[in-house]
């Protein structure tokens, strides 16, 4: 394999990790919104599953941060090495958060509040 092909593969690998992190951060944002919505409606027990997913995601991101160098990576290789130290990426949980909290939204529509 040529040096150029190796660099392209490393760049693609780093890009896939960055996309994964962005998706995870987006999922965390949606989870926080859903948890907040359930809590505001007084349905605290229903948000426990979302809190567990959020906790897992945050622990995973913390593990990655702890394994990363303290300074921003100067090269792609440094970022690759930092990612290799971390655990394999967890798959994103298949939770449909596209409509925020589906059951909470139904309650909101019924009461006329949002």
PDB file of N, CA and C in Angstrom:
ATOM      1  N   UNK A   1       0.847  -1.168   0.000  1.00  0.00           N
ATOM      2  CA  UNK A   1       0.000   0.000   0.000  1.00  0.00           C
ATOM      3  C   UNK A   1       0.897   1.238   0.000  1.00  0.00           C
ATOM      4  N   UNK A   2       0.541   2.194  -0.805  1.00  0.00           N
ATOM      5  CA  UNK A   2       1.346   3.406  -0.899  1.00  0.00           C
ATOM      6  C   UNK A   2       1.113   4.299   0.307  1.00  0.00           C
ATOM      7  N   UNK A   3       2.034   5.216   0.491  1.00  0.00           N
ATOM      8  CA  UNK A   3       1.932   6.163   1.614  1.00  0.00           C
ATOM      9  C   UNK A   3       0.679   7.019   1.473  1.00  0.00           C
ATOM     10  N   UNK A   4       0.341   7.408   0.241  1.00  0.00           N
ATOM     11  CA  UNK A   4      -0.843   8.237   0.009  1.00  0.00           C
ATOM     12  C   UNK A   4      -2.113   7.457   0.361  1.00  0.00           C
ATOM     13  N   UNK A   5      -2.172   6.186  -0.019  1.00  0.00           N
ATOM     14  CA  UNK A   5      -3.339   5.365   0.308  1.00  0.00           C
ATOM     15  C   UNK A   5      -3.462   5.182   1.820  1.00  0.00           C
ATOM     16  N   UNK A   6      -2.344   5.008   2.501  1.00  0.00           N
ATOM     17  CA  UNK A   6      -2.354   4.870   3.949  1.00  0.00           C
ATOM     18  C   UNK A   6      -2.891   6.135   4.605  1.00  0.00           C
ATOM     19  N   UNK A   7      -2.465   7.293   4.127  1.00  0.00           N
ATOM     20  CA  UNK A   7      -2.940   8.567   4.669  1.00  0.00           C
ATOM     21  C   UNK A   7      -4.436   8.756   4.421  1.00  0.00           C
ATOM     22  N   UNK A   8      -4.907   8.332   3.259  1.00  0.00           N
ATOM     23  CA  UNK A   8      -6.333   8.443   2.953  1.00  0.00           C
ATOM     24  C   UNK A   8      -7.131   7.562   3.904  1.00  0.00           C
ATOM     25  N   UNK A   9      -6.672   6.342   4.123  1.00  0.00           N
ATOM     26  CA  UNK A   9      -7.360   5.434   5.035  1.00  0.00           C
ATOM     27  C   UNK A   9      -7.378   5.981   6.465  1.00  0.00           C
ATOM     28  N   UNK A  10      -6.267   6.545   6.908  1.00  0.00           N
ATOM     29  CA  UNK A  10      -6.220   7.142   8.244  1.00  0.00           C
ATOM     30  C   UNK A  10      -7.199   8.302   8.341  1.00  0.00           C
ATOM     31  N   UNK A  11      -7.245   9.122   7.297  1.00  0.00           N
ATOM     32  CA  UNK A  11      -8.164  10.262   7.297  1.00  0.00           C
ATOM     33  C   UNK A  11      -9.615   9.792   7.337  1.00  0.00           C
ATOM     34  N   UNK A  12      -9.942   8.761   6.576  1.00  0.00           N
ATOM     35  CA  UNK A  12     -11.296   8.221   6.592  1.00  0.00           C
ATOM     36  C   UNK A  12     -11.647   7.647   7.958  1.00  0.00           C
ATOM     37  N   UNK A  13     -10.668   6.988   8.567  1.00  0.00           N
ATOM     38  CA  UNK A  13     -10.886   6.412   9.884  1.00  0.00           C
ATOM     39  C   UNK A  13     -11.163   7.506  10.911  1.00  0.00           C
ATOM     40  N   UNK A  14     -10.372   8.554  10.871  1.00  0.00           N
ATOM     41  CA  UNK A  14     -10.566   9.681  11.798  1.00  0.00           C
ATOM     42  C   UNK A  14     -11.912  10.347  11.524  1.00  0.00           C
ATOM     43  N   UNK A  15     -12.246  10.510  10.259  1.00  0.00           N
ATOM     44  CA  UNK A  15     -13.518  11.129   9.897  1.00  0.00           C
ATOM     45  C   UNK A  15     -14.683  10.304  10.433  1.00  0.00           C
ATOM     46  N   UNK A  16     -14.601   8.977  10.334  1.00  0.00           N
ATOM     47  CA  UNK A  16     -15.687   8.127  10.839  1.00  0.00           C
ATOM     48  C   UNK A  16     -15.816   8.263  12.353  1.00  0.00           C
ATOM     49  N   UNK A  17     -14.690   8.381  13.068  1.00  0.00           N
ATOM     50  CA  UNK A  17     -14.735   8.594  14.520  1.00  0.00           C
ATOM     51  C   UNK A  17     -15.385   9.933  14.847  1.00  0.00           C
ATOM     52  N   UNK A  18     -15.025  10.962  14.094  1.00  0.00           N
ATOM     53  CA  UNK A  18     -15.606  12.287  14.346  1.00  0.00           C
ATOM     54  C   UNK A  18     -17.112  12.273  14.110  1.00  0.00           C
ATOM     55  N   UNK A  19     -17.541  11.596  13.042  1.00  0.00           N
ATOM     56  CA  UNK A  19     -18.976  11.490  12.785  1.00  0.00           C
ATOM     57  C   UNK A  19     -19.680  10.746  13.922  1.00  0.00           C
ATOM     58  N   UNK A  20     -19.036   9.686  14.397  1.00  0.00           N
ATOM     59  CA  UNK A  20     -19.608   8.936  15.507  1.00  0.00           C
ATOM     60  C   UNK A  20     -19.767   9.831  16.742  1.00  0.00           C
ATOM     61  N   UNK A  21     -18.747  10.613  17.059  1.00  0.00           N
ATOM     62  CA  UNK A  21     -18.822  11.499  18.226  1.00  0.00           C
ATOM     63  C   UNK A  21     -19.905  12.551  18.049  1.00  0.00           C
ATOM     64  N   UNK A  22     -20.018  13.094  16.844  1.00  0.00           N
ATOM     65  CA  UNK A  22     -21.061  14.092  16.591  1.00  0.00           C
ATOM     66  C   UNK A  22     -22.454  13.476  16.737  1.00  0.00           C
ATOM     67  N   UNK A  23     -22.626  12.255  16.260  1.00  0.00           N
ATOM     68  CA  UNK A  23     -23.905  11.570  16.417  1.00  0.00           C
ATOM     69  C   UNK A  23     -24.199  11.315  17.891  1.00  0.00           C
ATOM     70  N   UNK A  24     -23.187  10.932  18.625  1.00  0.00           N
ATOM     71  CA  UNK A  24     -23.357  10.673  20.054  1.00  0.00           C
ATOM     72  C   UNK A  24     -23.735  11.959  20.796  1.00  0.00           C
ATOM     73  N   UNK A  25     -23.084  13.056  20.451  1.00  0.00           N
ATOM     74  CA  UNK A  25     -23.418  14.345  21.074  1.00  0.00           C
ATOM     75  C   UNK A  25     -24.832  14.778  20.721  1.00  0.00           C
ATOM     76  N   UNK A  26     -25.239  14.544  19.469  1.00  0.00           N
ATOM     77  CA  UNK A  26     -26.602  14.870  19.053  1.00  0.00           C
ATOM     78  C   UNK A  26     -27.608  14.009  19.816  1.00  0.00           C
ATOM     79  N   UNK A  27     -27.307  12.723  19.964  1.00  0.00           N
ATOM     80  CA  UNK A  27     -28.182  11.839  20.730  1.00  0.00           C
ATOM     81  C   UNK A  27     -28.281  12.322  22.182  1.00  0.00           C
ATOM     82  N   UNK A  28     -27.165  12.730  22.761  1.00  0.00           N
ATOM     83  CA  UNK A  28     -27.172  13.230  24.141  1.00  0.00           C
ATOM     84  C   UNK A  28     -28.061  14.467  24.265  1.00  0.00           C
ATOM     85  N   UNK A  29     -27.992  15.349  23.285  1.00  0.00           N
ATOM     86  CA  UNK A  29     -28.834  16.541  23.286  1.00  0.00           C
ATOM     87  C   UNK A  29     -30.306  16.154  23.272  1.00  0.00           C
ATOM     88  N   UNK A  30     -30.657  15.208  22.427  1.00  0.00           N
ATOM     89  CA  UNK A  30     -32.042  14.751  22.347  1.00  0.00           C
ATOM     90  C   UNK A  30     -32.471  14.060  23.639  1.00  0.00           C
ATOM     91  N   UNK A  31     -31.577  13.290  24.233  1.00  0.00           N
ATOM     92  CA  UNK A  31     -31.896  12.618  25.493  1.00  0.00           C
ATOM     93  C   UNK A  31     -32.158  13.628  26.606  1.00  0.00           C
ATOM     94  N   UNK A  32     -31.322  14.654  26.688  1.00  0.00           N
ATOM     95  CA  UNK A  32     -31.501  15.679  27.725  1.00  0.00           C
ATOM     96  C   UNK A  32     -32.838  16.382  27.537  1.00  0.00           C
ATOM     97  N   UNK A  33     -33.189  16.695  26.310  1.00  0.00           N
ATOM     98  CA  UNK A  33     -34.473  17.356  26.045  1.00  0.00           C
ATOM     99  C   UNK A  33     -35.644  16.458  26.445  1.00  0.00           C
ATOM    100  N   UNK A  34     -35.525  15.187  26.128  1.00  0.00           N
ATOM    101  CA  UNK A  34     -36.590  14.240  26.465  1.00  0.00           C
ATOM    102  C   UNK A  34     -36.712  14.077  27.981  1.00  0.00           C
ATOM    103  N   UNK A  35     -35.585  13.932  28.649  1.00  0.00           N
ATOM    104  CA  UNK A  35     -35.588  13.799  30.113  1.00  0.00           C
ATOM    105  C   UNK A  35     -36.219  15.033  30.748  1.00  0.00           C
ATOM    106  N   UNK A  36     -35.841  16.200  30.278  1.00  0.00           N
ATOM    107  CA  UNK A  36     -36.391  17.452  30.806  1.00  0.00           C
ATOM    108  C   UNK A  36     -37.899  17.515  30.604  1.00  0.00           C
ATOM    109  N   UNK A  37     -38.334  17.125  29.405  1.00  0.00           N
ATOM    110  CA  UNK A  37     -39.762  17.162  29.105  1.00  0.00           C
ATOM    111  C   UNK A  37     -40.544  16.222  30.027  1.00  0.00           C
ATOM    112  N   UNK A  38     -40.029  15.011  30.221  1.00  0.00           N
ATOM    113  CA  UNK A  38     -40.701  14.072  31.127  1.00  0.00           C
ATOM    114  C   UNK A  38     -40.731  14.618  32.550  1.00  0.00           C
ATOM    115  N   UNK A  39     -39.631  15.188  33.010  1.00  0.00           N
ATOM    116  CA  UNK A  39     -39.586  15.708  34.372  1.00  0.00           C
ATOM    117  C   UNK A  39     -40.560  16.872  34.549  1.00  0.00           C
ATOM    118  N   UNK A  40     -40.661  17.739  33.550  1.00  0.00           N
ATOM    119  CA  UNK A  40     -41.580  18.869  33.645  1.00  0.00           C
ATOM    120  C   UNK A  40     -43.033  18.421  33.718  1.00  0.00           C
ATOM    121  N   UNK A  41     -43.313  17.269  33.141  1.00  0.00           N
ATOM    122  CA  UNK A  41     -44.668  16.736  33.167  1.00  0.00           C
ATOM    123  C   UNK A  41     -44.913  15.868  34.397  1.00  0.00           C
ATOM    124  N   UNK A  42     -43.892  15.769  35.276  1.00  0.00           N
ATOM    125  CA  UNK A  42     -44.038  14.985  36.486  1.00  0.00           C
ATOM    126  C   UNK A  42     -43.960  13.486  36.257  1.00  0.00           C
ATOM    127  N   UNK A  43     -43.421  13.076  35.115  1.00  0.00           N
ATOM    128  CA  UNK A  43     -43.317  11.661  34.768  1.00  0.00           C
ATOM    129  C   UNK A  43     -41.864  11.209  34.923  1.00  0.00           C
ATOM    130  N   UNK A  44     -41.350  11.376  36.130  1.00  0.00           N
ATOM    131  CA  UNK A  44     -39.938  11.137  36.424  1.00  0.00           C
ATOM    132  C   UNK A  44     -39.555   9.677  36.200  1.00  0.00           C
ATOM    133  N   UNK A  45     -40.419   8.758  36.568  1.00  0.00           N
ATOM    134  CA  UNK A  45     -40.054   7.337  36.448  1.00  0.00           C
ATOM    135  C   UNK A  45     -39.850   6.922  34.991  1.00  0.00           C
ATOM    136  N   UNK A  46     -40.564   7.578  34.054  1.00  0.00           N
ATOM    137  CA  UNK A  46     -40.422   7.214  32.644  1.00  0.00           C
ATOM    138  C   UNK A  46     -39.109   7.683  32.035  1.00  0.00           C
ATOM    139  N   UNK A  47     -38.449   8.640  32.671  1.00  0.00           N
ATOM    140  CA  UNK A  47     -37.205   9.146  32.090  1.00  0.00           C
ATOM    141  C   UNK A  47     -35.985   8.347  32.536  1.00  0.00           C
ATOM    142  N   UNK A  48     -36.165   7.353  33.385  1.00  0.00           N
ATOM    143  CA  UNK A  48     -35.029   6.583  33.892  1.00  0.00           C
ATOM    144  C   UNK A  48     -34.265   5.894  32.768  1.00  0.00           C
ATOM    145  N   UNK A  49     -34.976   5.287  31.803  1.00  0.00           N
ATOM    146  CA  UNK A  49     -34.272   4.600  30.712  1.00  0.00           C
ATOM    147  C   UNK A  49     -33.428   5.580  29.902  1.00  0.00           C
ATOM    148  N   UNK A  50     -33.951   6.795  29.704  1.00  0.00           N
ATOM    149  CA  UNK A  50     -33.194   7.804  28.969  1.00  0.00           C
ATOM    150  C   UNK A  50     -31.990   8.285  29.778  1.00  0.00           C
ATOM    151  N   UNK A  51     -32.165   8.385  31.092  1.00  0.00           N
ATOM    152  CA  UNK A  51     -31.041   8.781  31.948  1.00  0.00           C
ATOM    153  C   UNK A  51     -29.939   7.719  31.916  1.00  0.00           C
ATOM    154  N   UNK A  52     -30.309   6.461  31.872  1.00  0.00           N
ATOM    155  CA  UNK A  52     -29.313   5.394  31.802  1.00  0.00           C
ATOM    156  C   UNK A  52     -28.535   5.438  30.492  1.00  0.00           C
ATOM    157  N   UNK A  53     -29.224   5.692  29.390  1.00  0.00           N
ATOM    158  CA  UNK A  53     -28.550   5.797  28.088  1.00  0.00           C
ATOM    159  C   UNK A  53     -27.616   7.001  28.091  1.00  0.00           C
ATOM    160  N   UNK A  54     -28.104   8.129  28.608  1.00  0.00           N
ATOM    161  CA  UNK A  54     -27.281   9.339  28.686  1.00  0.00           C
ATOM    162  C   UNK A  54     -26.052   9.094  29.548  1.00  0.00           C
ATOM    163  N   UNK A  55     -26.223   8.429  30.675  1.00  0.00           N
ATOM    164  CA  UNK A  55     -25.101   8.122  31.563  1.00  0.00           C
ATOM    165  C   UNK A  55     -24.071   7.267  30.834  1.00  0.00           C
ATOM    166  N   UNK A  56     -24.515   6.237  30.151  1.00  0.00           N
ATOM    167  CA  UNK A  56     -23.607   5.369  29.399  1.00  0.00           C
ATOM    168  C   UNK A  56     -22.815   6.166  28.354  1.00  0.00           C
ATOM    169  N   UNK A  57     -23.524   7.045  27.623  1.00  0.00           N
ATOM    170  CA  UNK A  57     -22.865   7.862  26.604  1.00  0.00           C
ATOM    171  C   UNK A  57     -21.823   8.794  27.224  1.00  0.00           C
ATOM    172  N   UNK A  58     -22.175   9.417  28.353  1.00  0.00           N
ATOM    173  CA  UNK A  58     -21.247  10.349  28.995  1.00  0.00           C
ATOM    174  C   UNK A  58     -20.019   9.635  29.557  1.00  0.00           C
ATOM    175  N   UNK A  59     -20.234   8.458  30.129  1.00  0.00           N
ATOM    176  CA  UNK A  59     -19.100   7.671  30.636  1.00  0.00           C
ATOM    177  C   UNK A  59     -18.188   7.287  29.475  1.00  0.00           C
ATOM    178  N   UNK A  60     -18.778   6.898  28.361  1.00  0.00           N
ATOM    179  CA  UNK A  60     -17.981   6.537  27.183  1.00  0.00           C
ATOM    180  C   UNK A  60     -17.164   7.732  26.690  1.00  0.00           C
ATOM    181  N   UNK A  61     -17.798   8.889  26.565  1.00  0.00           N
ATOM    182  CA  UNK A  61     -17.078  10.084  26.117  1.00  0.00           C
ATOM    183  C   UNK A  61     -15.983  10.474  27.106  1.00  0.00           C
ATOM    184  N   UNK A  62     -16.254  10.312  28.406  1.00  0.00           N
ATOM    185  CA  UNK A  62     -15.234  10.593  29.422  1.00  0.00           C
ATOM    186  C   UNK A  62     -14.051   9.651  29.304  1.00  0.00           C
ATOM    187  N   UNK A  63     -14.322   8.395  28.994  1.00  0.00           N
ATOM    188  CA  UNK A  63     -13.250   7.416  28.810  1.00  0.00           C
ATOM    189  C   UNK A  63     -12.364   7.802  27.636  1.00  0.00           C
ATOM    190  N   UNK A  64     -12.999   8.236  26.555  1.00  0.00           N
ATOM    191  CA  UNK A  64     -12.242   8.684  25.378  1.00  0.00           C
ATOM    192  C   UNK A  64     -11.399   9.907  25.738  1.00  0.00           C
ATOM    193  N   UNK A  65     -11.990  10.859  26.455  1.00  0.00           N
ATOM    194  CA  UNK A  65     -11.265  12.074  26.829  1.00  0.00           C
ATOM    195  C   UNK A  65     -10.079  11.742  27.729  1.00  0.00           C
ATOM    196  N   UNK A  66     -10.268  10.811  28.657  1.00  0.00           N
ATOM    197  CA  UNK A  66      -9.175  10.426  29.551  1.00  0.00           C
ATOM    198  C   UNK A  66      -8.043   9.744  28.805  1.00  0.00           C
ATOM    199  N   UNK A  67      -8.362   9.028  27.738  1.00  0.00           N
ATOM    200  CA  UNK A  67      -7.348   8.316  26.969  1.00  0.00           C
ATOM    201  C   UNK A  67      -6.649   9.223  25.963  1.00  0.00           C
ATOM    202  N   UNK A  68      -7.207  10.406  25.742  1.00  0.00           N
ATOM    203  CA  UNK A  68      -6.642  11.337  24.766  1.00  0.00           C
ATOM    204  C   UNK A  68      -5.532  12.164  25.399  1.00  0.00           C
ATOM    205  N   UNK A  69      -4.619  12.657  24.553  1.00  0.00           N
ATOM    206  CA  UNK A  69      -3.582  13.553  25.073  1.00  0.00           C
ATOM    207  C   UNK A  69      -4.211  14.836  25.618  1.00  0.00           C
ATOM    208  N   UNK A  70      -3.509  15.494  26.536  1.00  0.00           N
ATOM    209  CA  UNK A  70      -4.038  16.720  27.142  1.00  0.00           C
ATOM    210  C   UNK A  70      -4.134  17.873  26.163  1.00  0.00           C
ATOM    211  N   UNK A  71      -3.221  17.936  25.220  1.00  0.00           N
ATOM    212  CA  UNK A  71      -3.260  19.019  24.243  1.00  0.00           C
ATOM    213  C   UNK A  71      -3.966  18.535  22.985  1.00  0.00           C
ATOM    214  N   UNK A  72      -4.481  19.472  22.181  1.00  0.00           N
ATOM    215  CA  UNK A  72      -5.115  19.070  20.933  1.00  0.00           C
ATOM    216  C   UNK A  72      -4.122  18.313  20.055  1.00  0.00           C
ATOM    217  N   UNK A  73      -4.590  17.286  19.362  1.00  0.00           N
ATOM    218  CA  UNK A  73      -3.677  16.501  18.536  1.00  0.00           C
ATOM    219  C   UNK A  73      -3.075  17.339  17.414  1.00  0.00           C
ATOM    220  N   UNK A  74      -1.769  17.200  17.233  1.00  0.00           N
ATOM    221  CA  UNK A  74      -1.070  17.955  16.199  1.00  0.00           C
ATOM    222  C   UNK A  74      -1.139  17.248  14.857  1.00  0.00           C
ATOM    223  N   UNK A  75      -1.297  15.940  14.883  1.00  0.00           N
ATOM    224  CA  UNK A  75      -1.335  15.180  13.633  1.00  0.00           C
ATOM    225  C   UNK A  75      -2.466  14.176  13.670  1.00  0.00           C
ATOM    226  N   UNK A  76      -2.794  13.681  12.511  1.00  0.00           N
ATOM    227  CA  UNK A  76      -3.817  12.647  12.408  1.00  0.00           C
ATOM    228  C   UNK A  76      -3.400  11.407  13.166  1.00  0.00           C
ATOM    229  N   UNK A  77      -2.133  11.085  13.130  1.00  0.00           N
ATOM    230  CA  UNK A  77      -1.638   9.894  13.802  1.00  0.00           C
ATOM    231  C   UNK A  77      -1.908   9.977  15.303  1.00  0.00           C
ATOM    232  N   UNK A  78      -1.710  11.138  15.894  1.00  0.00           N
ATOM    233  CA  UNK A  78      -1.940  11.302  17.321  1.00  0.00           C
ATOM    234  C   UNK A  78      -3.406  11.041  17.650  1.00  0.00           C
ATOM    235  N   UNK A  79      -4.318  11.564  16.836  1.00  0.00           N
ATOM    236  CA  UNK A  79      -5.728  11.347  17.063  1.00  0.00           C
ATOM    237  C   UNK A  79      -6.073   9.869  16.900  1.00  0.00           C
ATOM    238  N   UNK A  80      -5.490   9.232  15.908  1.00  0.00           N
ATOM    239  CA  UNK A  80      -5.719   7.798  15.692  1.00  0.00           C
ATOM    240  C   UNK A  80      -5.236   7.001  16.890  1.00  0.00           C
ATOM    241  N   UNK A  81      -4.061   7.336  17.379  1.00  0.00           N
ATOM    242  CA  UNK A  81      -3.510   6.621  18.527  1.00  0.00           C
ATOM    243  C   UNK A  81      -4.399   6.803  19.749  1.00  0.00           C
ATOM    244  N   UNK A  82      -4.930   8.003  19.932  1.00  0.00           N
ATOM    245  CA  UNK A  82      -5.799   8.258  21.078  1.00  0.00           C
ATOM    246  C   UNK A  82      -7.084   7.445  20.965  1.00  0.00           C
ATOM    247  N   UNK A  83      -7.624   7.351  19.769  1.00  0.00           N
ATOM    248  CA  UNK A  83      -8.852   6.590  19.578  1.00  0.00           C
ATOM    249  C   UNK A  83      -8.609   5.096  19.741  1.00  0.00           C
ATOM    250  N   UNK A  84      -7.436   4.613  19.352  1.00  0.00           N
ATOM    251  CA  UNK A  84      -7.127   3.197  19.492  1.00  0.00           C
ATOM    252  C   UNK A  84      -7.022   2.791  20.953  1.00  0.00           C
ATOM    253  N   UNK A  85      -6.628   3.717  21.813  1.00  0.00           N
ATOM    254  CA  UNK A  85      -6.505   3.434  23.239  1.00  0.00           C
ATOM    255  C   UNK A  85      -7.870   3.209  23.857  1.00  0.00           C
ATOM    256  N   UNK A  86      -8.870   3.908  23.333  1.00  0.00           N
ATOM    257  CA  UNK A  86     -10.205   3.809  23.904  1.00  0.00           C
ATOM    258  C   UNK A  86     -10.853   2.478  23.569  1.00  0.00           C
ATOM    259  N   UNK A  87     -11.937   2.216  24.257  1.00  0.00           N
ATOM    260  CA  UNK A  87     -12.699   1.011  23.972  1.00  0.00           C
ATOM    261  C   UNK A  87     -13.349   1.144  22.602  1.00  0.00           C
ATOM    262  N   UNK A  88     -13.755   0.031  22.044  1.00  0.00           N
ATOM    263  CA  UNK A  88     -14.456   0.068  20.760  1.00  0.00           C
ATOM    264  C   UNK A  88     -15.714   0.900  20.920  1.00  0.00           C
ATOM    265  N   UNK A  89     -16.086   1.626  19.889  1.00  0.00           N
ATOM    266  CA  UNK A  89     -17.247   2.510  20.025  1.00  0.00           C
ATOM    267  C   UNK A  89     -18.511   1.715  20.315  1.00  0.00           C
ATOM    268  N   UNK A  90     -19.296   2.251  21.236  1.00  0.00           N
ATOM    269  CA  UNK A  90     -20.579   1.617  21.511  1.00  0.00           C
ATOM    270  C   UNK A  90     -21.510   1.971  20.378  1.00  0.00           C
ATOM    271  N   UNK A  91     -22.358   1.057  20.018  1.00  0.00           N
ATOM    272  CA  UNK A  91     -23.316   1.371  18.965  1.00  0.00           C
ATOM    273  C   UNK A  91     -24.381   2.271  19.559  1.00  0.00           C
ATOM    274  N   UNK A  92     -24.856   3.181  18.750  1.00  0.00           N
ATOM    275  CA  UNK A  92     -25.887   4.078  19.231  1.00  0.00           C
ATOM    276  C   UNK A  92     -27.151   3.274  19.468  1.00  0.00           C
ATOM    277  N   UNK A  93     -27.772   3.509  20.584  1.00  0.00           N
ATOM    278  CA  UNK A  93     -28.991   2.791  20.926  1.00  0.00           C
ATOM    279  C   UNK A  93     -30.079   3.225  19.973  1.00  0.00           C
ATOM    280  N   UNK A  94     -30.838   2.295  19.505  1.00  0.00           N
ATOM    281  CA  UNK A  94     -31.915   2.588  18.561  1.00  0.00           C
ATOM    282  C   UNK A  94     -33.144   3.073  19.324  1.00  0.00           C
ATOM    283  N   UNK A  95     -33.086   4.301  19.757  1.00  0.00           N
ATOM    284  CA  UNK A  95     -34.207   4.929  20.453  1.00  0.00           C
ATOM    285  C   UNK A  95     -34.727   6.007  19.532  1.00  0.00           C
ATOM    286  N   UNK A  96     -35.995   5.936  19.207  1.00  0.00           N
ATOM    287  CA  UNK A  96     -36.578   6.924  18.309  1.00  0.00           C
ATOM    288  C   UNK A  96     -36.853   8.197  19.086  1.00  0.00           C
ATOM    289  N   UNK A  97     -35.964   9.161  18.915  1.00  0.00           N
ATOM    290  CA  UNK A  97     -36.124  10.446  19.598  1.00  0.00           C
ATOM    291  C   UNK A  97     -36.489  11.540  18.605  1.00  0.00           C
ATOM    292  N   UNK A  98     -36.863  11.141  17.378  1.00  0.00           N
ATOM    293  CA  UNK A  98     -37.151  12.132  16.349  1.00  0.00           C
ATOM    294  C   UNK A  98     -38.336  13.014  16.723  1.00  0.00           C
ATOM    295  N   UNK A  99     -39.255  12.483  17.498  1.00  0.00           N
ATOM    296  CA  UNK A  99     -40.399  13.266  17.936  1.00  0.00           C
ATOM    297  C   UNK A  99     -40.280  13.615  19.405  1.00  0.00           C
ATOM    298  N   UNK A 100     -39.069  13.818  19.855  1.00  0.00           N
ATOM    299  CA  UNK A 100     -38.803  14.076  21.264  1.00  0.00           C
ATOM    300  C   UNK A 100     -39.277  12.893  22.073  1.00  0.00           C
ATOM    301  N   UNK A 101     -40.239  13.058  22.929  1.00  0.00           N
ATOM    302  CA  UNK A 101     -40.759  11.973  23.766  1.00  0.00           C
ATOM    303  C   UNK A 101     -42.141  11.624  23.250  1.00  0.00           C
ATOM    304  N   UNK A 102     -42.275  10.532  22.522  1.00  0.00           N
ATOM    305  CA  UNK A 102     -43.550  10.214  21.886  1.00  0.00           C
ATOM    306  C   UNK A 102     -44.739  10.195  22.847  1.00  0.00           C
ATOM    307  N   UNK A 103     -44.632   9.520  23.978  1.00  0.00           N
ATOM    308  CA  UNK A 103     -45.786   9.448  24.876  1.00  0.00           C
ATOM    309  C   UNK A 103     -46.044  10.791  25.557  1.00  0.00           C
ATOM    310  N   UNK A 104     -44.976  11.528  25.820  1.00  0.00           N
ATOM    311  CA  UNK A 104     -45.155  12.847  26.430  1.00  0.00           C
ATOM    312  C   UNK A 104     -45.798  13.815  25.453  1.00  0.00           C
ATOM    313  N   UNK A 105     -45.467  13.680  24.151  1.00  0.00           N
ATOM    314  CA  UNK A 105     -46.067  14.539  23.137  1.00  0.00           C
ATOM    315  C   UNK A 105     -47.551  14.270  23.003  1.00  0.00           C
ATOM    316  N   UNK A 106     -47.945  12.988  23.096  1.00  0.00           N
ATOM    317  CA  UNK A 106     -49.358  12.653  23.013  1.00  0.00           C
ATOM    318  C   UNK A 106     -50.116  13.300  24.165  1.00  0.00           C
ATOM    319  N   UNK A 107     -49.507  13.277  25.354  1.00  0.00           N
ATOM    320  CA  UNK A 107     -50.139  13.902  26.518  1.00  0.00           C
ATOM    321  C   UNK A 107     -50.253  15.402  26.301  1.00  0.00           C
ATOM    322  N   UNK A 108     -49.208  16.024  25.718  1.00  0.00           N
ATOM    323  CA  UNK A 108     -49.222  17.459  25.462  1.00  0.00           C
ATOM    324  C   UNK A 108     -50.321  17.819  24.490  1.00  0.00           C
ATOM    325  N   UNK A 109     -50.486  16.995  23.441  1.00  0.00           N
ATOM    326  CA  UNK A 109     -51.517  17.275  22.454  1.00  0.00           C
ATOM    327  C   UNK A 109     -52.893  17.154  23.076  1.00  0.00           C
ATOM    328  N   UNK A 110     -53.060  16.204  23.975  1.00  0.00           N
ATOM    329  CA  UNK A 110     -54.357  15.992  24.626  1.00  0.00           C
ATOM    330  C   UNK A 110     -54.716  17.150  25.540  1.00  0.00           C
ATOM    331  N   UNK A 111     -53.716  17.710  26.210  1.00  0.00           N
ATOM    332  CA  UNK A 111     -53.988  18.811  27.146  1.00  0.00           C
ATOM    333  C   UNK A 111     -53.896  20.178  26.487  1.00  0.00           C
ATOM    334  N   UNK A 112     -53.338  20.213  25.268  1.00  0.00           N
ATOM    335  CA  UNK A 112     -53.200  21.474  24.568  1.00  0.00           C
ATOM    336  C   UNK A 112     -51.969  22.254  24.971  1.00  0.00           C
ATOM    337  N   UNK A 113     -51.097  21.647  25.807  1.00  0.00           N
ATOM    338  CA  UNK A 113     -49.876  22.314  26.251  1.00  0.00           C
ATOM    339  C   UNK A 113     -48.677  21.675  25.596  1.00  0.00           C
ATOM    340  N   UNK A 114     -47.615  22.449  25.452  1.00  0.00           N
ATOM    341  CA  UNK A 114     -46.377  21.916  24.920  1.00  0.00           C
ATOM    342  C   UNK A 114     -45.183  22.456  25.635  1.00  0.00           C
TER     343      UNK A 114
END
